[in-house]
PDB file of N, CA and C in Angstrom:
ATOM      1  N   MET A   1       0.893  -1.107  -0.021  1.00  0.00           N
ATOM      2  CA  MET A   1       0.033  -0.003   0.020  1.00  0.00           C
ATOM      3  C   MET A   1       0.847   1.253  -0.044  1.00  0.00           C
ATOM      4  N   GLN A   2       0.511   2.156  -0.824  1.00  0.00           N
ATOM      5  CA  GLN A   2       1.370   3.446  -0.953  1.00  0.00           C
ATOM      6  C   GLN A   2       0.991   4.323   0.231  1.00  0.00           C
ATOM      7  N   GLU A   3       2.022   5.186   0.541  1.00  0.00           N
ATOM      8  CA  GLU A   3       1.816   6.163   1.619  1.00  0.00           C
ATOM      9  C   GLU A   3       0.533   7.063   1.384  1.00  0.00           C
ATOM     10  N   LYS A   4       0.379   7.446   0.098  1.00  0.00           N
ATOM     11  CA  LYS A   4      -0.771   8.319  -0.125  1.00  0.00           C
ATOM     12  C   LYS A   4      -2.054   7.694   0.158  1.00  0.00           C
ATOM     13  N   ASP A   5      -2.131   6.394  -0.118  1.00  0.00           N
ATOM     14  CA  ASP A   5      -3.465   5.625   0.140  1.00  0.00           C
ATOM     15  C   ASP A   5      -3.623   5.534   1.669  1.00  0.00           C
ATOM     16  N   MET A   6      -2.492   5.249   2.401  1.00  0.00           N
ATOM     17  CA  MET A   6      -2.589   5.231   3.861  1.00  0.00           C
ATOM     18  C   MET A   6      -3.112   6.523   4.432  1.00  0.00           C
ATOM     19  N   VAL A   7      -2.572   7.591   4.030  1.00  0.00           N
ATOM     20  CA  VAL A   7      -3.001   8.852   4.480  1.00  0.00           C
ATOM     21  C   VAL A   7      -4.392   9.129   4.194  1.00  0.00           C
ATOM     22  N   SER A   8      -4.808   8.838   2.972  1.00  0.00           N
ATOM     23  CA  SER A   8      -6.163   9.001   2.545  1.00  0.00           C
ATOM     24  C   SER A   8      -7.129   8.151   3.451  1.00  0.00           C
ATOM     25  N   ASP A   9      -6.819   6.922   3.741  1.00  0.00           N
ATOM     26  CA  ASP A   9      -7.561   6.061   4.591  1.00  0.00           C
ATOM     27  C   ASP A   9      -7.667   6.588   5.966  1.00  0.00           C
ATOM     28  N   VAL A  10      -6.532   7.091   6.566  1.00  0.00           N
ATOM     29  CA  VAL A  10      -6.642   7.661   7.932  1.00  0.00           C
ATOM     30  C   VAL A  10      -7.453   8.868   7.965  1.00  0.00           C
ATOM     31  N   LEU A  11      -7.346   9.760   6.905  1.00  0.00           N
ATOM     32  CA  LEU A  11      -8.184  10.986   6.873  1.00  0.00           C
ATOM     33  C   LEU A  11      -9.640  10.591   6.860  1.00  0.00           C
ATOM     34  N   ALA A  12     -10.011   9.617   5.977  1.00  0.00           N
ATOM     35  CA  ALA A  12     -11.441   9.180   5.876  1.00  0.00           C
ATOM     36  C   ALA A  12     -11.931   8.635   7.237  1.00  0.00           C
ATOM     37  N   GLY A  13     -11.120   7.871   7.899  1.00  0.00           N
ATOM     38  CA  GLY A  13     -11.459   7.283   9.145  1.00  0.00           C
ATOM     39  C   GLY A  13     -11.633   8.327  10.261  1.00  0.00           C
ATOM     40  N   THR A  14     -10.756   9.328  10.193  1.00  0.00           N
ATOM     41  CA  THR A  14     -10.765  10.440  11.217  1.00  0.00           C
ATOM     42  C   THR A  14     -12.121  11.152  11.035  1.00  0.00           C
ATOM     43  N   LYS A  15     -12.333  11.562   9.682  1.00  0.00           N
ATOM     44  CA  LYS A  15     -13.597  12.242   9.398  1.00  0.00           C
ATOM     45  C   LYS A  15     -14.869  11.511   9.847  1.00  0.00           C
ATOM     46  N   ALA A  16     -14.891  10.249   9.682  1.00  0.00           N
ATOM     47  CA  ALA A  16     -15.997   9.501  10.208  1.00  0.00           C
ATOM     48  C   ALA A  16     -16.076   9.521  11.701  1.00  0.00           C
ATOM     49  N   SER A  17     -14.967   9.476  12.432  1.00  0.00           N
ATOM     50  CA  SER A  17     -14.934   9.516  13.840  1.00  0.00           C
ATOM     51  C   SER A  17     -15.477  10.936  14.293  1.00  0.00           C
ATOM     52  N   ILE A  18     -15.092  11.967  13.631  1.00  0.00           N
ATOM     53  CA  ILE A  18     -15.570  13.301  13.924  1.00  0.00           C
ATOM     54  C   ILE A  18     -17.110  13.376  13.785  1.00  0.00           C
ATOM     55  N   ASP A  19     -17.625  12.853  12.665  1.00  0.00           N
ATOM     56  CA  ASP A  19     -19.064  12.759  12.494  1.00  0.00           C
ATOM     57  C   ASP A  19     -19.740  11.971  13.596  1.00  0.00           C
ATOM     58  N   SER A  20     -19.170  10.887  14.012  1.00  0.00           N
ATOM     59  CA  SER A  20     -19.792   9.993  15.074  1.00  0.00           C
ATOM     60  C   SER A  20     -19.772  10.797  16.337  1.00  0.00           C
ATOM     61  N   TYR A  21     -18.625  11.462  16.710  1.00  0.00           N
ATOM     62  CA  TYR A  21     -18.586  12.227  17.919  1.00  0.00           C
ATOM     63  C   TYR A  21     -19.586  13.292  17.935  1.00  0.00           C
ATOM     64  N   THR A  22     -19.757  14.052  16.828  1.00  0.00           N
ATOM     65  CA  THR A  22     -20.694  15.207  16.684  1.00  0.00           C
ATOM     66  C   THR A  22     -22.169  14.659  16.992  1.00  0.00           C
ATOM     67  N   LYS A  23     -22.504  13.477  16.343  1.00  0.00           N
ATOM     68  CA  LYS A  23     -23.884  12.894  16.486  1.00  0.00           C
ATOM     69  C   LYS A  23     -24.076  12.579  17.963  1.00  0.00           C
ATOM     70  N   ALA A  24     -23.083  11.929  18.565  1.00  0.00           N
ATOM     71  CA  ALA A  24     -23.225  11.510  19.992  1.00  0.00           C
ATOM     72  C   ALA A  24     -23.396  12.701  20.855  1.00  0.00           C
ATOM     73  N   ILE A  25     -22.669  13.794  20.639  1.00  0.00           N
ATOM     74  CA  ILE A  25     -22.673  15.001  21.438  1.00  0.00           C
ATOM     75  C   ILE A  25     -24.130  15.617  21.344  1.00  0.00           C
ATOM     76  N   THR A  26     -24.670  15.666  20.216  1.00  0.00           N
ATOM     77  CA  THR A  26     -26.026  16.140  20.090  1.00  0.00           C
ATOM     78  C   THR A  26     -27.136  15.375  20.737  1.00  0.00           C
ATOM     79  N   GLU A  27     -26.760  14.082  20.964  1.00  0.00           N
ATOM     80  CA  GLU A  27     -27.786  13.205  21.533  1.00  0.00           C
ATOM     81  C   GLU A  27     -27.450  12.921  23.107  1.00  0.00           C
ATOM     82  N   CYS A  28     -26.466  13.562  23.650  1.00  0.00           N
ATOM     83  CA  CYS A  28     -25.999  13.155  24.907  1.00  0.00           C
ATOM     84  C   CYS A  28     -26.621  14.164  26.019  1.00  0.00           C
ATOM     85  N   ALA A  29     -27.249  13.644  27.002  1.00  0.00           N
ATOM     86  CA  ALA A  29     -27.774  14.371  28.103  1.00  0.00           C
ATOM     87  C   ALA A  29     -26.870  14.597  29.352  1.00  0.00           C
ATOM     88  N   ASN A  30     -25.933  13.630  29.488  1.00  0.00           N
ATOM     89  CA  ASN A  30     -24.958  13.686  30.546  1.00  0.00           C
ATOM     90  C   ASN A  30     -23.887  14.690  30.270  1.00  0.00           C
ATOM     91  N   GLN A  31     -23.779  15.713  31.096  1.00  0.00           N
ATOM     92  CA  GLN A  31     -22.791  16.792  30.809  1.00  0.00           C
ATOM     93  C   GLN A  31     -21.379  16.328  30.897  1.00  0.00           C
ATOM     94  N   GLN A  32     -21.071  15.421  31.707  1.00  0.00           N
ATOM     95  CA  GLN A  32     -19.703  15.030  31.850  1.00  0.00           C
ATOM     96  C   GLN A  32     -19.280  14.252  30.628  1.00  0.00           C
ATOM     97  N   LEU A  33     -20.202  13.308  30.196  1.00  0.00           N
ATOM     98  CA  LEU A  33     -19.941  12.504  29.013  1.00  0.00           C
ATOM     99  C   LEU A  33     -19.911  13.395  27.727  1.00  0.00           C
ATOM    100  N   ARG A  34     -20.734  14.405  27.772  1.00  0.00           N
ATOM    101  CA  ARG A  34     -20.753  15.273  26.619  1.00  0.00           C
ATOM    102  C   ARG A  34     -19.446  16.067  26.586  1.00  0.00           C
ATOM    103  N   GLY A  35     -18.925  16.511  27.657  1.00  0.00           N
ATOM    104  CA  GLY A  35     -17.646  17.199  27.650  1.00  0.00           C
ATOM    105  C   GLY A  35     -16.539  16.356  27.145  1.00  0.00           C
ATOM    106  N   THR A  36     -16.593  15.063  27.607  1.00  0.00           N
ATOM    107  CA  THR A  36     -15.571  14.127  27.260  1.00  0.00           C
ATOM    108  C   THR A  36     -15.551  13.946  25.690  1.00  0.00           C
ATOM    109  N   LEU A  37     -16.766  13.765  25.098  1.00  0.00           N
ATOM    110  CA  LEU A  37     -16.994  13.562  23.708  1.00  0.00           C
ATOM    111  C   LEU A  37     -16.533  14.780  22.909  1.00  0.00           C
ATOM    112  N   GLN A  38     -16.830  15.981  23.465  1.00  0.00           N
ATOM    113  CA  GLN A  38     -16.382  17.202  22.750  1.00  0.00           C
ATOM    114  C   GLN A  38     -14.911  17.348  22.751  1.00  0.00           C
ATOM    115  N   GLN A  39     -14.263  16.921  23.855  1.00  0.00           N
ATOM    116  CA  GLN A  39     -12.779  16.978  23.840  1.00  0.00           C
ATOM    117  C   GLN A  39     -12.164  15.954  22.813  1.00  0.00           C
ATOM    118  N   LEU A  40     -12.831  14.760  22.753  1.00  0.00           N
ATOM    119  CA  LEU A  40     -12.366  13.831  21.783  1.00  0.00           C
ATOM    120  C   LEU A  40     -12.580  14.336  20.394  1.00  0.00           C
ATOM    121  N   ARG A  41     -13.659  14.866  20.123  1.00  0.00           N
ATOM    122  CA  ARG A  41     -13.938  15.394  18.817  1.00  0.00           C
ATOM    123  C   ARG A  41     -12.939  16.555  18.484  1.00  0.00           C
ATOM    124  N   ASN A  42     -12.644  17.374  19.430  1.00  0.00           N
ATOM    125  CA  ASN A  42     -11.768  18.472  19.204  1.00  0.00           C
ATOM    126  C   ASN A  42     -10.321  17.922  18.868  1.00  0.00           C
ATOM    127  N   GLU A  43      -9.951  16.955  19.617  1.00  0.00           N
ATOM    128  CA  GLU A  43      -8.633  16.320  19.323  1.00  0.00           C
ATOM    129  C   GLU A  43      -8.548  15.630  17.928  1.00  0.00           C
ATOM    130  N   ALA A  44      -9.667  14.971  17.530  1.00  0.00           N
ATOM    131  CA  ALA A  44      -9.691  14.377  16.284  1.00  0.00           C
ATOM    132  C   ALA A  44      -9.670  15.425  15.133  1.00  0.00           C
ATOM    133  N   GLU A  45     -10.278  16.527  15.376  1.00  0.00           N
ATOM    134  CA  GLU A  45     -10.354  17.657  14.377  1.00  0.00           C
ATOM    135  C   GLU A  45      -8.802  18.189  14.263  1.00  0.00           C
ATOM    136  N   GLN A  46      -8.149  18.396  15.350  1.00  0.00           N
ATOM    137  CA  GLN A  46      -6.828  18.826  15.312  1.00  0.00           C
ATOM    138  C   GLN A  46      -5.915  17.815  14.549  1.00  0.00           C
ATOM    139  N   PHE A  47      -6.091  16.551  14.827  1.00  0.00           N
ATOM    140  CA  PHE A  47      -5.341  15.531  14.080  1.00  0.00           C
ATOM    141  C   PHE A  47      -5.697  15.570  12.633  1.00  0.00           C
ATOM    142  N   GLN A  48      -6.912  15.625  12.297  1.00  0.00           N
ATOM    143  CA  GLN A  48      -7.323  15.564  10.865  1.00  0.00           C
ATOM    144  C   GLN A  48      -6.720  16.777  10.178  1.00  0.00           C
ATOM    145  N   TYR A  49      -6.654  17.915  10.763  1.00  0.00           N
ATOM    146  CA  TYR A  49      -6.094  19.129  10.093  1.00  0.00           C
ATOM    147  C   TYR A  49      -4.616  19.025   9.988  1.00  0.00           C
ATOM    148  N   GLN A  50      -3.961  18.508  10.926  1.00  0.00           N
ATOM    149  CA  GLN A  50      -2.494  18.231  10.845  1.00  0.00           C
ATOM    150  C   GLN A  50      -2.182  17.252   9.691  1.00  0.00           C
ATOM    151  N   LEU A  51      -2.957  16.200   9.646  1.00  0.00           N
ATOM    152  CA  LEU A  51      -2.716  15.188   8.584  1.00  0.00           C
ATOM    153  C   LEU A  51      -3.084  15.790   7.258  1.00  0.00           C
ATOM    154  N   PHE A  52      -4.124  16.625   7.144  1.00  0.00           N
ATOM    155  CA  PHE A  52      -4.497  17.173   5.951  1.00  0.00           C
ATOM    156  C   PHE A  52      -3.347  18.133   5.428  1.00  0.00           C
ATOM    157  N   GLN A  53      -2.682  18.843   6.375  1.00  0.00           N
ATOM    158  CA  GLN A  53      -1.553  19.759   6.019  1.00  0.00           C
ATOM    159  C   GLN A  53      -0.436  18.931   5.427  1.00  0.00           C
ATOM    160  N   ILE A  54      -0.193  17.801   6.021  1.00  0.00           N
ATOM    161  CA  ILE A  54       0.956  16.921   5.608  1.00  0.00           C
ATOM    162  C   ILE A  54       0.608  16.462   4.194  1.00  0.00           C
ATOM    163  N   ALA A  55      -0.662  16.014   3.962  1.00  0.00           N
ATOM    164  CA  ALA A  55      -1.079  15.487   2.644  1.00  0.00           C
ATOM    165  C   ALA A  55      -0.978  16.588   1.613  1.00  0.00           C
ATOM    166  N   GLU A  56      -1.351  17.759   1.932  1.00  0.00           N
ATOM    167  CA  GLU A  56      -1.234  18.933   1.004  1.00  0.00           C
ATOM    168  C   GLU A  56       0.201  19.251   0.666  1.00  0.00           C
ATOM    169  N   GLN A  57       1.008  19.203   1.641  1.00  0.00           N
ATOM    170  CA  GLN A  57       2.492  19.503   1.463  1.00  0.00           C
ATOM    171  C   GLN A  57       3.064  18.478   0.454  1.00  0.00           C
ATOM    172  N   LYS A  58       2.724  17.158   0.656  1.00  0.00           N
ATOM    173  CA  LYS A  58       3.269  16.088  -0.126  1.00  0.00           C
ATOM    174  C   LYS A  58       2.653  15.957  -1.528  1.00  0.00           C
ATOM    175  N   GLY A  59       1.657  16.834  -1.737  1.00  0.00           N
ATOM    176  CA  GLY A  59       0.957  16.794  -3.039  1.00  0.00           C
ATOM    177  C   GLY A  59      -0.039  15.698  -3.135  1.00  0.00           C
ATOM    178  N   TYR A  60      -0.458  15.059  -2.037  1.00  0.00           N
ATOM    179  CA  TYR A  60      -1.543  14.021  -2.018  1.00  0.00           C
ATOM    180  C   TYR A  60      -2.935  14.653  -2.159  1.00  0.00           C
ATOM    181  N   TYR A  61      -3.057  15.852  -1.814  1.00  0.00           N
ATOM    182  CA  TYR A  61      -4.360  16.543  -1.837  1.00  0.00           C
ATOM    183  C   TYR A  61      -4.243  17.886  -2.330  1.00  0.00           C
ATOM    184  N   THR A  62      -5.117  18.266  -3.180  1.00  0.00           N
ATOM    185  CA  THR A  62      -5.205  19.670  -3.630  1.00  0.00           C
ATOM    186  C   THR A  62      -6.523  20.252  -3.315  1.00  0.00           C
ATOM    187  N   PRO A  63      -6.566  21.220  -2.406  1.00  0.00           N
ATOM    188  CA  PRO A  63      -7.829  21.818  -1.965  1.00  0.00           C
ATOM    189  C   PRO A  63      -8.499  22.642  -3.093  1.00  0.00           C
ATOM    190  N   ALA A  64      -9.790  22.864  -2.926  1.00  0.00           N
ATOM    191  CA  ALA A  64     -10.497  23.590  -3.904  1.00  0.00           C
ATOM    192  C   ALA A  64     -10.032  25.083  -3.764  1.00  0.00           C
ATOM    193  N   PRO A  65     -10.099  25.857  -4.879  1.00  0.00           N
ATOM    194  CA  PRO A  65      -9.726  27.240  -4.793  1.00  0.00           C
ATOM    195  C   PRO A  65     -10.539  28.041  -3.762  1.00  0.00           C
ATOM    196  N   THR A  66      -9.836  29.025  -3.267  1.00  0.00           N
ATOM    197  CA  THR A  66     -10.495  29.803  -2.167  1.00  0.00           C
ATOM    198  C   THR A  66     -11.671  30.569  -2.807  1.00  0.00           C
ATOM    199  N   ALA A  67     -12.766  30.586  -2.046  1.00  0.00           N
ATOM    200  CA  ALA A  67     -13.972  31.348  -2.471  1.00  0.00           C
ATOM    201  C   ALA A  67     -13.827  32.829  -2.232  1.00  0.00           C
ATOM    202  N   ASP A  68     -14.521  33.562  -3.106  1.00  0.00           N
ATOM    203  CA  ASP A  68     -14.483  35.064  -2.808  1.00  0.00           C
ATOM    204  C   ASP A  68     -15.650  35.365  -1.906  1.00  0.00           C
ATOM    205  N   GLN A  69     -15.633  36.630  -1.447  1.00  0.00           N
ATOM    206  CA  GLN A  69     -16.632  36.997  -0.381  1.00  0.00           C
ATOM    207  C   GLN A  69     -18.139  36.833  -1.032  1.00  0.00           C
ATOM    208  N   LYS A  70     -18.255  37.224  -2.250  1.00  0.00           N
ATOM    209  CA  LYS A  70     -19.621  37.130  -2.879  1.00  0.00           C
ATOM    210  C   LYS A  70     -20.109  35.609  -2.828  1.00  0.00           C
ATOM    211  N   THR A  71     -19.306  34.751  -3.147  1.00  0.00           N
ATOM    212  CA  THR A  71     -19.680  33.330  -3.246  1.00  0.00           C
ATOM    213  C   THR A  71     -19.935  32.774  -1.813  1.00  0.00           C
ATOM    214  N   ILE A  72     -19.160  33.202  -0.868  1.00  0.00           N
ATOM    215  CA  ILE A  72     -19.334  32.776   0.477  1.00  0.00           C
ATOM    216  C   ILE A  72     -20.658  33.306   0.967  1.00  0.00           C
ATOM    217  N   GLN A  73     -21.024  34.572   0.662  1.00  0.00           N
ATOM    218  CA  GLN A  73     -22.356  35.110   1.149  1.00  0.00           C
ATOM    219  C   GLN A  73     -23.505  34.420   0.422  1.00  0.00           C
ATOM    220  N   GLN A  74     -23.316  34.059  -0.920  1.00  0.00           N
ATOM    221  CA  GLN A  74     -24.343  33.348  -1.609  1.00  0.00           C
ATOM    222  C   GLN A  74     -24.668  32.008  -0.903  1.00  0.00           C
ATOM    223  N   VAL A  75     -23.571  31.285  -0.605  1.00  0.00           N
ATOM    224  CA  VAL A  75     -23.752  29.978   0.046  1.00  0.00           C
ATOM    225  C   VAL A  75     -24.440  30.127   1.450  1.00  0.00           C
ATOM    226  N   LYS A  76     -23.950  31.141   2.192  1.00  0.00           N
ATOM    227  CA  LYS A  76     -24.435  31.354   3.471  1.00  0.00           C
ATOM    228  C   LYS A  76     -25.968  31.697   3.412  1.00  0.00           C
ATOM    229  N   ASN A  77     -26.344  32.579   2.423  1.00  0.00           N
ATOM    230  CA  ASN A  77     -27.765  32.921   2.244  1.00  0.00           C
ATOM    231  C   ASN A  77     -28.598  31.676   1.917  1.00  0.00           C
ATOM    232  N   GLY A  78     -28.059  30.930   1.084  1.00  0.00           N
ATOM    233  CA  GLY A  78     -28.691  29.673   0.552  1.00  0.00           C
ATOM    234  C   GLY A  78     -28.991  28.643   1.728  1.00  0.00           C
ATOM    235  N   LEU A  79     -27.965  28.621   2.621  1.00  0.00           N
ATOM    236  CA  LEU A  79     -28.119  27.695   3.802  1.00  0.00           C
ATOM    237  C   LEU A  79     -29.079  28.186   4.837  1.00  0.00           C
ATOM    238  N   THR A  80     -29.130  29.521   5.027  1.00  0.00           N
ATOM    239  CA  THR A  80     -29.962  30.203   6.045  1.00  0.00           C
ATOM    240  C   THR A  80     -31.340  30.579   5.517  1.00  0.00           C
ATOM    241  N   GLY A  81     -31.482  30.483   4.212  1.00  0.00           N
ATOM    242  CA  GLY A  81     -32.727  31.063   3.599  1.00  0.00           C
ATOM    243  C   GLY A  81     -32.675  32.559   3.448  1.00  0.00           C
ATOM    244  N   GLY A  82     -31.501  33.193   3.690  1.00  0.00           N
ATOM    245  CA  GLY A  82     -31.353  34.537   3.530  1.00  0.00           C
ATOM    246  C   GLY A  82     -31.926  35.406   4.666  1.00  0.00           C
ATOM    247  N   THR A  83     -32.437  34.779   5.710  1.00  0.00           N
ATOM    248  CA  THR A  83     -33.009  35.517   6.765  1.00  0.00           C
ATOM    249  C   THR A  83     -32.530  34.927   8.025  1.00  0.00           C
ATOM    250  N   THR A  84     -32.674  35.682   9.124  1.00  0.00           N
ATOM    251  CA  THR A  84     -32.348  35.220  10.420  1.00  0.00           C
ATOM    252  C   THR A  84     -33.588  34.661  11.034  1.00  0.00           C
ATOM    253  N   PRO A  85     -33.466  33.409  11.533  1.00  0.00           N
ATOM    254  CA  PRO A  85     -34.656  32.812  12.247  1.00  0.00           C
ATOM    255  C   PRO A  85     -35.051  33.680  13.396  1.00  0.00           C
ATOM    256  N   THR A  86     -36.390  33.648  13.656  1.00  0.00           N
ATOM    257  CA  THR A  86     -36.879  34.423  14.733  1.00  0.00           C
ATOM    258  C   THR A  86     -37.454  33.400  15.764  1.00  0.00           C
ATOM    259  N   MET A  87     -37.406  33.706  16.963  1.00  0.00           N
ATOM    260  CA  MET A  87     -37.962  32.946  18.009  1.00  0.00           C
ATOM    261  C   MET A  87     -39.432  33.305  18.313  1.00  0.00           C
ATOM    262  N   ARG A  88     -40.336  32.387  18.446  1.00  0.00           N
ATOM    263  CA  ARG A  88     -41.729  32.676  18.716  1.00  0.00           C
ATOM    264  C   ARG A  88     -42.218  32.183  20.092  1.00  0.00           C
TER     265      ARG A  88
END
């Protein structure tokens, strides 16, 4: 197995773990457990970002081009419906 494939596999596994931690956090009522899961998720996110940086430096990954402010605002508006939700 090539190093590039191993890095890709670890990145995919780490992303899946982050998703699982996030789901568990949103469903957790116990504050102590919730805090532990948040800490684990944060550590996994830091690891994922460090590994991403290594992959990018080695040429294993090319990120998408940086979006301009107009595009960012359009996406934000699309996700929020363009309005701020109100509490009733």
